C-alpha atoms as a PDB file:
ATOM      1  CA  UNK A   1     -49.933 -20.951  -4.789  1.00  0.00           C
ATOM      2  CA  UNK A   2     -50.041 -23.801  -7.285  1.00  0.00           C
ATOM      3  CA  UNK A   3     -53.491 -24.628  -8.698  1.00  0.00           C
ATOM      4  CA  UNK A   4     -52.744 -28.347  -8.383  1.00  0.00           C
ATOM      5  CA  UNK A   5     -51.184 -30.664  -5.806  1.00  0.00           C
ATOM      6  CA  UNK A   6     -48.120 -32.627  -6.871  1.00  0.00           C
ATOM      7  CA  UNK A   7     -47.817 -36.266  -5.811  1.00  0.00           C
ATOM      8  CA  UNK A   8     -44.710 -38.283  -6.694  1.00  0.00           C
ATOM      9  CA  UNK A   9     -44.418 -41.918  -5.651  1.00  0.00           C
ATOM     10  CA  UNK A  10     -42.616 -44.802  -7.315  1.00  0.00           C
ATOM     11  CA  UNK A  11     -42.908 -44.459 -11.090  1.00  0.00           C
ATOM     12  CA  UNK A  12     -45.878 -42.065 -10.919  1.00  0.00           C
ATOM     13  CA  UNK A  13     -45.991 -38.261 -10.920  1.00  0.00           C
ATOM     14  CA  UNK A  14     -49.426 -36.660 -10.614  1.00  0.00           C
ATOM     15  CA  UNK A  15     -50.807 -33.143 -10.758  1.00  0.00           C
ATOM     16  CA  UNK A  16     -54.192 -33.228  -9.032  1.00  0.00           C
ATOM     17  CA  UNK A  17     -56.748 -30.413  -9.250  1.00  0.00           C
ATOM     18  CA  UNK A  18     -59.504 -29.907  -6.665  1.00  0.00           C
ATOM     19  CA  UNK A  19     -62.070 -29.594  -9.477  1.00  0.00           C
ATOM     20  CA  UNK A  20     -62.253 -31.075 -12.949  1.00  0.00           C
ATOM     21  CA  UNK A  21     -60.425 -29.038 -15.576  1.00  0.00           C
ATOM     22  CA  UNK A  22     -60.865 -28.651 -19.312  1.00  0.00           C
ATOM     23  CA  UNK A  23     -57.681 -30.231 -20.673  1.00  0.00           C
ATOM     24  CA  UNK A  24     -56.359 -30.373 -24.231  1.00  0.00           C
ATOM     25  CA  UNK A  25     -53.513 -32.750 -25.076  1.00  0.00           C
ATOM     26  CA  UNK A  26     -52.367 -35.483 -27.416  1.00  0.00           C
ATOM     27  CA  UNK A  27     -52.106 -38.019 -24.588  1.00  0.00           C
ATOM     28  CA  UNK A  28     -51.721 -41.605 -25.813  1.00  0.00           C
ATOM     29  CA  UNK A  29     -54.847 -42.682 -23.973  1.00  0.00           C
ATOM     30  CA  UNK A  30     -57.056 -39.567 -23.601  1.00  0.00           C
ATOM     31  CA  UNK A  31     -56.253 -37.224 -26.490  1.00  0.00           C
ATOM     32  CA  UNK A  32     -58.158 -34.090 -27.462  1.00  0.00           C
ATOM     33  CA  UNK A  33     -60.408 -32.110 -25.119  1.00  0.00           C
ATOM     34  CA  UNK A  34     -61.257 -34.002 -21.930  1.00  0.00           C
ATOM     35  CA  UNK A  35     -62.564 -33.147 -18.474  1.00  0.00           C
ATOM     36  CA  UNK A  36     -60.313 -34.558 -15.763  1.00  0.00           C
ATOM     37  CA  UNK A  37     -59.115 -34.024 -12.195  1.00  0.00           C
ATOM     38  CA  UNK A  38     -55.504 -34.943 -12.907  1.00  0.00           C
ATOM     39  CA  UNK A  39     -52.611 -35.172 -15.344  1.00  0.00           C
ATOM     40  CA  UNK A  40     -50.266 -38.064 -14.603  1.00  0.00           C
ATOM     41  CA  UNK A  41     -46.827 -39.229 -15.759  1.00  0.00           C
ATOM     42  CA  UNK A  42     -45.680 -42.863 -15.758  1.00  0.00           C
ATOM     43  CA  UNK A  43     -41.938 -43.526 -15.676  1.00  0.00           C
ATOM     44  CA  UNK A  44     -40.911 -46.543 -17.764  1.00  0.00           C
ATOM     45  CA  UNK A  45     -37.704 -48.377 -18.596  1.00  0.00           C
ATOM     46  CA  UNK A  46     -36.553 -50.220 -21.726  1.00  0.00           C
ATOM     47  CA  UNK A  47     -37.573 -53.548 -20.191  1.00  0.00           C
ATOM     48  CA  UNK A  48     -41.151 -52.283 -19.891  1.00  0.00           C
ATOM     49  CA  UNK A  49     -41.449 -51.589 -23.621  1.00  0.00           C
ATOM     50  CA  UNK A  50     -40.465 -54.789 -25.379  1.00  0.00           C
ATOM     51  CA  UNK A  51     -41.609 -55.289 -28.974  1.00  0.00           C
ATOM     52  CA  UNK A  52     -44.713 -57.219 -27.914  1.00  0.00           C
ATOM     53  CA  UNK A  53     -45.974 -54.436 -25.617  1.00  0.00           C
ATOM     54  CA  UNK A  54     -48.527 -51.823 -26.690  1.00  0.00           C
ATOM     55  CA  UNK A  55     -47.342 -48.581 -24.996  1.00  0.00           C
ATOM     56  CA  UNK A  56     -50.866 -47.162 -24.726  1.00  0.00           C
ATOM     57  CA  UNK A  57     -52.183 -50.327 -23.064  1.00  0.00           C
ATOM     58  CA  UNK A  58     -49.238 -50.418 -20.669  1.00  0.00           C
ATOM     59  CA  UNK A  59     -49.793 -46.771 -19.741  1.00  0.00           C
ATOM     60  CA  UNK A  60     -53.502 -47.227 -19.192  1.00  0.00           C
ATOM     61  CA  UNK A  61     -53.191 -50.433 -17.187  1.00  0.00           C
ATOM     62  CA  UNK A  62     -50.446 -49.241 -14.854  1.00  0.00           C
ATOM     63  CA  UNK A  63     -52.060 -45.905 -14.125  1.00  0.00           C
ATOM     64  CA  UNK A  64     -55.436 -47.549 -13.584  1.00  0.00           C
ATOM     65  CA  UNK A  65     -53.765 -49.799 -11.015  1.00  0.00           C
ATOM     66  CA  UNK A  66     -52.302 -46.673  -9.386  1.00  0.00           C
ATOM     67  CA  UNK A  67     -55.753 -45.070  -9.186  1.00  0.00           C
ATOM     68  CA  UNK A  68     -55.400 -42.725 -12.139  1.00  0.00           C
ATOM     69  CA  UNK A  69     -57.439 -44.497 -14.802  1.00  0.00           C
ATOM     70  CA  UNK A  70     -59.398 -41.338 -15.681  1.00  0.00           C
ATOM     71  CA  UNK A  71     -56.380 -39.014 -15.766  1.00  0.00           C
ATOM     72  CA  UNK A  72     -54.775 -37.434 -18.799  1.00  0.00           C
ATOM     73  CA  UNK A  73     -51.823 -39.806 -19.039  1.00  0.00           C
ATOM     74  CA  UNK A  74     -48.228 -39.381 -20.212  1.00  0.00           C
ATOM     75  CA  UNK A  75     -45.192 -41.666 -20.385  1.00  0.00           C
ATOM     76  CA  UNK A  76     -41.514 -40.853 -19.901  1.00  0.00           C
ATOM     77  CA  UNK A  77     -38.153 -42.517 -19.307  1.00  0.00           C
ATOM     78  CA  UNK A  78     -37.023 -39.480 -17.305  1.00  0.00           C
ATOM     79  CA  UNK A  79     -37.057 -39.939 -13.536  1.00  0.00           C
ATOM     80  CA  UNK A  80     -40.358 -38.472 -12.405  1.00  0.00           C
ATOM     81  CA  UNK A  81     -38.586 -37.229  -9.279  1.00  0.00           C
ATOM     82  CA  UNK A  82     -36.677 -34.818 -11.521  1.00  0.00           C
ATOM     83  CA  UNK A  83     -39.676 -32.654 -12.280  1.00  0.00           C
ATOM     84  CA  UNK A  84     -39.727 -28.891 -12.556  1.00  0.00           C
ATOM     85  CA  UNK A  85     -42.318 -26.299 -11.607  1.00  0.00           C
ATOM     86  CA  UNK A  86     -42.639 -22.694 -12.726  1.00  0.00           C
ATOM     87  CA  UNK A  87     -45.255 -19.993 -12.305  1.00  0.00           C
ATOM     88  CA  UNK A  88     -45.756 -16.726 -14.170  1.00  0.00           C
ATOM     89  CA  UNK A  89     -48.232 -13.855 -13.926  1.00  0.00           C
ATOM     90  CA  UNK A  90     -49.142 -11.255 -16.521  1.00  0.00           C
ATOM     91  CA  UNK A  91     -51.930  -8.802 -15.795  1.00  0.00           C
ATOM     92  CA  UNK A  92     -54.770 -10.842 -14.319  1.00  0.00           C
ATOM     93  CA  UNK A  93     -53.567 -14.127 -15.837  1.00  0.00           C
ATOM     94  CA  UNK A  94     -51.672 -16.677 -13.763  1.00  0.00           C
ATOM     95  CA  UNK A  95     -50.077 -19.806 -15.193  1.00  0.00           C
ATOM     96  CA  UNK A  96     -48.311 -22.792 -13.664  1.00  0.00           C
ATOM     97  CA  UNK A  97     -46.259 -25.451 -15.431  1.00  0.00           C
ATOM     98  CA  UNK A  98     -45.108 -28.900 -14.307  1.00  0.00           C
ATOM     99  CA  UNK A  99     -42.584 -30.551 -16.622  1.00  0.00           C
ATOM    100  CA  UNK A 100     -40.202 -33.470 -16.963  1.00  0.00           C
ATOM    101  CA  UNK A 101     -37.404 -32.948 -19.453  1.00  0.00           C
ATOM    102  CA  UNK A 102     -35.274 -35.678 -21.018  1.00  0.00           C
ATOM    103  CA  UNK A 103     -33.465 -35.061 -24.302  1.00  0.00           C
ATOM    104  CA  UNK A 104     -31.923 -38.412 -25.277  1.00  0.00           C
ATOM    105  CA  UNK A 105     -34.479 -38.598 -28.104  1.00  0.00           C
ATOM    106  CA  UNK A 106     -33.847 -35.027 -29.276  1.00  0.00           C
ATOM    107  CA  UNK A 107     -34.572 -34.041 -32.857  1.00  0.00           C
ATOM    108  CA  UNK A 108     -35.058 -31.053 -35.102  1.00  0.00           C
ATOM    109  CA  UNK A 109     -38.369 -30.122 -36.670  1.00  0.00           C
ATOM    110  CA  UNK A 110     -38.545 -30.855 -40.397  1.00  0.00           C
ATOM    111  CA  UNK A 111     -35.885 -33.554 -40.223  1.00  0.00           C
ATOM    112  CA  UNK A 112     -36.640 -37.189 -39.508  1.00  0.00           C
ATOM    113  CA  UNK A 113     -34.331 -38.574 -36.840  1.00  0.00           C
ATOM    114  CA  UNK A 114     -33.675 -42.068 -35.538  1.00  0.00           C
ATOM    115  CA  UNK A 115     -35.670 -43.112 -32.472  1.00  0.00           C
ATOM    116  CA  UNK A 116     -33.323 -43.541 -29.517  1.00  0.00           C
ATOM    117  CA  UNK A 117     -33.987 -45.673 -26.456  1.00  0.00           C
ATOM    118  CA  UNK A 118     -34.641 -44.989 -23.717  1.00  0.00           C
ATOM    119  CA  UNK A 119     -36.819 -42.312 -25.252  1.00  0.00           C
ATOM    120  CA  UNK A 120     -36.066 -39.192 -23.235  1.00  0.00           C
ATOM    121  CA  UNK A 121     -38.972 -36.862 -23.737  1.00  0.00           C
ATOM    122  CA  UNK A 122     -40.454 -33.507 -22.732  1.00  0.00           C
ATOM    123  CA  UNK A 123     -43.801 -33.942 -21.023  1.00  0.00           C
ATOM    124  CA  UNK A 124     -45.522 -30.921 -19.581  1.00  0.00           C
ATOM    125  CA  UNK A 125     -48.737 -29.648 -18.093  1.00  0.00           C
ATOM    126  CA  UNK A 126     -49.450 -25.939 -18.154  1.00  0.00           C
ATOM    127  CA  UNK A 127     -52.491 -24.492 -16.400  1.00  0.00           C
ATOM    128  CA  UNK A 128     -54.050 -21.082 -16.940  1.00  0.00           C
ATOM    129  CA  UNK A 129     -56.427 -19.788 -14.287  1.00  0.00           C
ATOM    130  CA  UNK A 130     -59.316 -18.657 -16.492  1.00  0.00           C
ATOM    131  CA  UNK A 131     -61.742 -20.414 -18.868  1.00  0.00           C
ATOM    132  CA  UNK A 132     -60.781 -20.488 -22.539  1.00  0.00           C
ATOM    133  CA  UNK A 133     -62.862 -20.672 -25.692  1.00  0.00           C
ATOM    134  CA  UNK A 134     -62.064 -23.582 -28.004  1.00  0.00           C
ATOM    135  CA  UNK A 135     -60.089 -21.254 -30.272  1.00  0.00           C
ATOM    136  CA  UNK A 136     -58.166 -19.723 -27.366  1.00  0.00           C
ATOM    137  CA  UNK A 137     -57.405 -23.163 -25.937  1.00  0.00           C
ATOM    138  CA  UNK A 138     -55.917 -24.287 -29.241  1.00  0.00           C
ATOM    139  CA  UNK A 139     -53.987 -21.021 -29.482  1.00  0.00           C
ATOM    140  CA  UNK A 140     -52.691 -21.599 -25.949  1.00  0.00           C
ATOM    141  CA  UNK A 141     -51.398 -24.996 -27.069  1.00  0.00           C
ATOM    142  CA  UNK A 142     -49.437 -23.302 -29.853  1.00  0.00           C
ATOM    143  CA  UNK A 143     -47.918 -20.850 -27.356  1.00  0.00           C
ATOM    144  CA  UNK A 144     -46.922 -23.711 -25.046  1.00  0.00           C
ATOM    145  CA  UNK A 145     -45.244 -25.513 -27.949  1.00  0.00           C
ATOM    146  CA  UNK A 146     -43.488 -22.314 -29.010  1.00  0.00           C
ATOM    147  CA  UNK A 147     -42.194 -21.739 -25.474  1.00  0.00           C
ATOM    148  CA  UNK A 148     -40.937 -25.321 -25.182  1.00  0.00           C
ATOM    149  CA  UNK A 149     -39.148 -24.998 -28.519  1.00  0.00           C
ATOM    150  CA  UNK A 150     -37.537 -21.678 -27.591  1.00  0.00           C
ATOM    151  CA  UNK A 151     -36.256 -23.149 -24.328  1.00  0.00           C
ATOM    152  CA  UNK A 152     -34.777 -26.206 -26.042  1.00  0.00           C
ATOM    153  CA  UNK A 153     -33.158 -24.255 -28.878  1.00  0.00           C
ATOM    154  CA  UNK A 154     -31.427 -21.964 -26.391  1.00  0.00           C
ATOM    155  CA  UNK A 155     -29.775 -24.992 -24.773  1.00  0.00           C
ATOM    156  CA  UNK A 156     -27.778 -25.439 -27.972  1.00  0.00           C
ATOM    157  CA  UNK A 157     -28.072 -29.241 -28.072  1.00  0.00           C
ATOM    158  CA  UNK A 158     -26.629 -30.336 -31.416  1.00  0.00           C
ATOM    159  CA  UNK A 159     -28.589 -32.568 -33.800  1.00  0.00           C
ATOM    160  CA  UNK A 160     -26.706 -33.098 -37.053  1.00  0.00           C
ATOM    161  CA  UNK A 161     -24.973 -29.753 -36.786  1.00  0.00           C
ATOM    162  CA  UNK A 162     -28.104 -27.758 -35.956  1.00  0.00           C
ATOM    163  CA  UNK A 163     -29.964 -26.944 -32.741  1.00  0.00           C
ATOM    164  CA  UNK A 164     -32.523 -29.437 -31.420  1.00  0.00           C
ATOM    165  CA  UNK A 165     -36.092 -28.140 -31.255  1.00  0.00           C
ATOM    166  CA  UNK A 166     -37.672 -30.875 -29.132  1.00  0.00           C
ATOM    167  CA  UNK A 167     -37.862 -34.661 -28.957  1.00  0.00           C
ATOM    168  CA  UNK A 168     -39.723 -37.170 -31.076  1.00  0.00           C
ATOM    169  CA  UNK A 169     -42.007 -38.150 -28.217  1.00  0.00           C
ATOM    170  CA  UNK A 170     -43.015 -34.875 -26.528  1.00  0.00           C
ATOM    171  CA  UNK A 171     -46.481 -34.353 -25.073  1.00  0.00           C
ATOM    172  CA  UNK A 172     -48.156 -31.143 -23.919  1.00  0.00           C
ATOM    173  CA  UNK A 173     -51.326 -30.737 -21.867  1.00  0.00           C
ATOM    174  CA  UNK A 174     -52.983 -27.325 -21.488  1.00  0.00           C
ATOM    175  CA  UNK A 175     -55.582 -27.059 -18.733  1.00  0.00           C
ATOM    176  CA  UNK A 176     -58.080 -24.350 -17.825  1.00  0.00           C
ATOM    177  CA  UNK A 177     -61.137 -24.169 -15.561  1.00  0.00           C
ATOM    178  CA  UNK A 178     -64.552 -24.981 -16.944  1.00  0.00           C
ATOM    179  CA  UNK A 179     -66.803 -21.960 -17.386  1.00  0.00           C
ATOM    180  CA  UNK A 180     -69.740 -20.505 -19.268  1.00  0.00           C
ATOM    181  CA  UNK A 181     -69.147 -19.495 -22.876  1.00  0.00           C
ATOM    182  CA  UNK A 182     -69.533 -15.811 -22.036  1.00  0.00           C
ATOM    183  CA  UNK A 183     -66.797 -16.128 -19.376  1.00  0.00           C
ATOM    184  CA  UNK A 184     -64.243 -17.738 -21.659  1.00  0.00           C
ATOM    185  CA  UNK A 185     -61.293 -15.775 -22.996  1.00  0.00           C
ATOM    186  CA  UNK A 186     -61.363 -15.510 -26.777  1.00  0.00           C
ATOM    187  CA  UNK A 187     -57.618 -15.162 -27.371  1.00  0.00           C
ATOM    188  CA  UNK A 188     -54.404 -16.570 -25.920  1.00  0.00           C
ATOM    189  CA  UNK A 189     -51.687 -15.384 -28.302  1.00  0.00           C
ATOM    190  CA  UNK A 190     -48.378 -13.630 -27.744  1.00  0.00           C
ATOM    191  CA  UNK A 191     -50.046 -10.215 -27.337  1.00  0.00           C
ATOM    192  CA  UNK A 192     -52.316 -11.372 -24.492  1.00  0.00           C
ATOM    193  CA  UNK A 193     -51.728 -11.738 -20.760  1.00  0.00           C
ATOM    194  CA  UNK A 194     -52.760 -15.384 -21.044  1.00  0.00           C
ATOM    195  CA  UNK A 195     -50.135 -16.041 -23.700  1.00  0.00           C
ATOM    196  CA  UNK A 196     -47.441 -14.178 -21.776  1.00  0.00           C
ATOM    197  CA  UNK A 197     -48.109 -15.988 -18.493  1.00  0.00           C
ATOM    198  CA  UNK A 198     -48.551 -19.417 -20.051  1.00  0.00           C
ATOM    199  CA  UNK A 199     -45.558 -19.109 -22.358  1.00  0.00           C
ATOM    200  CA  UNK A 200     -43.345 -17.818 -19.574  1.00  0.00           C
ATOM    201  CA  UNK A 201     -44.222 -20.653 -17.210  1.00  0.00           C
ATOM    202  CA  UNK A 202     -43.506 -23.282 -19.866  1.00  0.00           C
ATOM    203  CA  UNK A 203     -40.270 -21.584 -20.900  1.00  0.00           C
ATOM    204  CA  UNK A 204     -38.988 -21.410 -17.321  1.00  0.00           C
ATOM    205  CA  UNK A 205     -39.836 -25.021 -16.416  1.00  0.00           C
ATOM    206  CA  UNK A 206     -38.438 -26.515 -19.632  1.00  0.00           C
ATOM    207  CA  UNK A 207     -35.301 -24.350 -19.454  1.00  0.00           C
ATOM    208  CA  UNK A 208     -34.588 -25.507 -15.912  1.00  0.00           C
ATOM    209  CA  UNK A 209     -35.227 -29.140 -16.784  1.00  0.00           C
ATOM    210  CA  UNK A 210     -33.132 -28.938 -19.931  1.00  0.00           C
ATOM    211  CA  UNK A 211     -30.174 -27.393 -18.126  1.00  0.00           C
ATOM    212  CA  UNK A 212     -30.258 -30.150 -15.512  1.00  0.00           C
ATOM    213  CA  UNK A 213     -30.338 -32.859 -18.184  1.00  0.00           C
ATOM    214  CA  UNK A 214     -27.434 -31.227 -20.063  1.00  0.00           C
ATOM    215  CA  UNK A 215     -25.404 -31.034 -16.839  1.00  0.00           C
ATOM    216  CA  UNK A 216     -26.056 -34.701 -16.067  1.00  0.00           C
ATOM    217  CA  UNK A 217     -24.860 -35.674 -19.545  1.00  0.00           C
ATOM    218  CA  UNK A 218     -21.654 -33.663 -19.194  1.00  0.00           C
ATOM    219  CA  UNK A 219     -22.457 -30.906 -21.698  1.00  0.00           C
END
């Protein structure tokens, strides 16, 4: 059973938790560690992001109007109806990932690439079902990024003769329940059940989304 409810209506995709979660992300509007009930995507088009528009203000205003002003907020040009869900278990750890995957703005790490519009992007939420220490939460973010990158590289999308590793506008949110310090897991790396479950869920969701995007583009 998913730890969050998924709501998709109009340009908005939301993952809503019954209780506030400890969420780490680089969201445009609520970056860093925040406590929130939801992570929300806003679908935008080129006409929404003219040169005189501040993307962060647009994101905040539209999601506030939709009732998600306090959410961890993300923006994408990918249809929010084309979202992907995956779950993985390892030992006592259970993880769930919700992702949208667009690759029109694909790039390769270490090489500066031209911004392409509309900016297809990889936006994902991954939830682990146990409290994390600050260090473990940051480590979990690195595992999520590693899993996303592995999934994209295996698609074989070419960027200047080499495999794409992501897009220039990706965003990742890692959520975990709040808990007492003594309850929090200290580690979330590749050798842990948390890392295995979390990484697997991200890998599966991004792989599925990437394959769909590639098929739509005729690859």
